[in-house]
Amino acid sequence: MPVILTEYYYKTWLKPGLNLGTITGLLEQYPASEMNAYNISSEIKSIENNYKELLNPIGDRLKPERNIIATKRINEYGYYGHKKKKTEDLNKPTLGDKAKKD
């Protein structure tokens, strides 16, 4: 059975050397409200068909996607969850620049 983690546990899950107790502590039922589904081709039922396009959605998803929220979050925090620097912060001198002046 695949594991679906909430975003809160991503960093913990990716830490090397986790003990079994920590790993099993992360395994919780994923909220159904956060899942979605869509129809795929019925051709997937035949073992003769083996290509990745069989997994492409056909028709509408069961629930509308939340692309707007995800895009806003990526623009604000970046793909790895780090808050992006403001443009004016990029022009400020760094500690390395200050050390060169001394």
Protein backbone atom coordinates (compact mmCIF):
# COMPACT_ATOMS: atom_id res chain seq x y z
CA MET A 1 0.00 0.00 0.00
CA PRO A 2 1.49 3.40 -0.91
CA VAL A 3 2.09 6.02 1.74
CA ILE A 4 0.69 9.53 1.36
CA LEU A 5 2.21 12.04 3.75
CA THR A 6 0.89 15.45 4.64
CA GLU A 7 3.23 18.30 3.77
CA TYR A 8 4.02 18.75 7.46
CA TYR A 9 5.95 15.45 7.50
CA TYR A 10 7.93 15.81 4.25
CA LYS A 11 11.21 16.93 5.82
CA THR A 12 11.05 14.33 8.58
CA TRP A 13 10.36 11.51 6.10
CA LEU A 14 13.38 12.47 3.99
CA LYS A 15 15.87 12.47 6.90
CA PRO A 16 18.40 9.68 6.52
CA GLY A 17 18.69 7.14 9.33
CA LEU A 18 15.15 7.32 10.70
CA ASN A 19 14.34 4.62 13.20
CA LEU A 20 11.33 2.36 12.75
CA GLY A 21 9.40 4.04 15.57
CA THR A 22 9.65 7.45 13.90
CA ILE A 23 8.67 6.05 10.52
CA THR A 24 5.61 4.23 11.84
CA GLY A 25 4.65 7.36 13.79
CA LEU A 26 4.34 9.23 10.49
CA LEU A 27 1.88 6.73 9.05
CA GLU A 28 -1.56 8.22 9.51
CA GLN A 29 -4.69 8.00 7.42
CA TYR A 30 -4.47 10.69 4.75
CA PRO A 31 -7.51 13.02 4.78
CA ALA A 32 -10.01 12.01 2.09
CA SER A 33 -10.84 15.70 1.60
CA GLU A 34 -7.30 16.19 0.24
CA MET A 35 -7.54 13.39 -2.35
CA ASN A 36 -8.92 13.50 -5.84
CA ALA A 37 -9.67 11.02 -8.60
CA TYR A 38 -10.29 10.97 -12.33
CA ASN A 39 -11.20 8.45 -14.99
CA ILE A 40 -8.50 6.85 -17.10
CA SER A 41 -8.72 4.79 -20.28
CA SER A 42 -10.32 1.36 -20.01
CA GLU A 43 -7.46 0.13 -22.23
CA ILE A 44 -5.44 -0.21 -19.02
CA LYS A 45 -7.28 -3.47 -18.31
CA SER A 46 -5.40 -5.30 -21.06
CA ILE A 47 -1.86 -6.52 -20.38
CA GLU A 48 -1.11 -5.91 -24.06
CA ASN A 49 -1.32 -2.15 -23.47
CA ASN A 50 1.72 -0.86 -21.64
CA TYR A 51 2.37 2.83 -22.12
CA LYS A 52 2.31 5.76 -19.71
CA GLU A 53 -0.39 7.70 -21.60
CA LEU A 54 -2.91 5.17 -20.25
CA LEU A 55 -2.73 7.08 -16.97
CA ASN A 56 -3.69 10.41 -18.54
CA PRO A 57 -7.02 11.71 -17.20
CA ILE A 58 -10.03 11.50 -19.48
CA GLY A 59 -12.95 13.72 -18.57
CA ASP A 60 -13.24 15.87 -15.48
CA ARG A 61 -11.79 15.18 -12.06
CA LEU A 62 -14.23 14.33 -9.31
CA LYS A 63 -13.41 17.55 -7.48
CA PRO A 64 -11.98 20.80 -8.91
CA GLU A 65 -8.24 21.16 -8.40
CA ARG A 66 -6.76 23.84 -6.20
CA ASN A 67 -4.18 25.10 -8.71
CA ILE A 68 -4.59 28.71 -7.63
CA ILE A 69 -3.59 27.96 -4.05
CA ALA A 70 -0.66 25.77 -5.09
CA THR A 71 0.65 28.33 -7.59
CA LYS A 72 0.43 31.13 -5.01
CA ARG A 73 2.33 29.01 -2.48
CA ILE A 74 5.07 28.11 -4.97
CA ASN A 75 5.46 31.76 -6.00
CA GLU A 76 5.72 32.84 -2.37
CA TYR A 77 7.84 30.02 -0.92
CA GLY A 78 9.49 28.32 -3.89
CA TYR A 79 9.41 24.61 -4.65
CA TYR A 80 11.35 23.60 -1.55
CA GLY A 81 9.38 25.59 1.03
CA HIS A 82 11.98 28.32 1.57
CA LYS A 83 10.57 31.83 1.74
CA LYS A 84 11.78 33.79 -1.29
CA LYS A 85 13.83 36.92 -0.76
CA LYS A 86 12.33 40.24 -1.76
CA THR A 87 14.01 42.00 -4.68
CA GLU A 88 15.25 44.83 -2.48
CA ASP A 89 16.91 42.27 -0.16
CA LEU A 90 18.97 40.97 -3.07
CA ASN A 91 20.66 44.36 -3.43
CA LYS A 92 21.68 44.61 0.26
CA PRO A 93 25.32 43.82 1.05
CA THR A 94 25.99 40.37 2.51
CA LEU A 95 28.27 39.59 5.45
CA GLY A 96 30.89 38.55 2.91
CA ASP A 97 30.69 41.95 1.21
CA LYS A 98 31.05 43.70 4.56
CA ALA A 99 34.12 41.61 5.45
CA LYS A 100 35.81 42.54 2.15
CA LYS A 101 35.46 46.25 2.98
CA ASP A 102 37.24 45.82 6.33
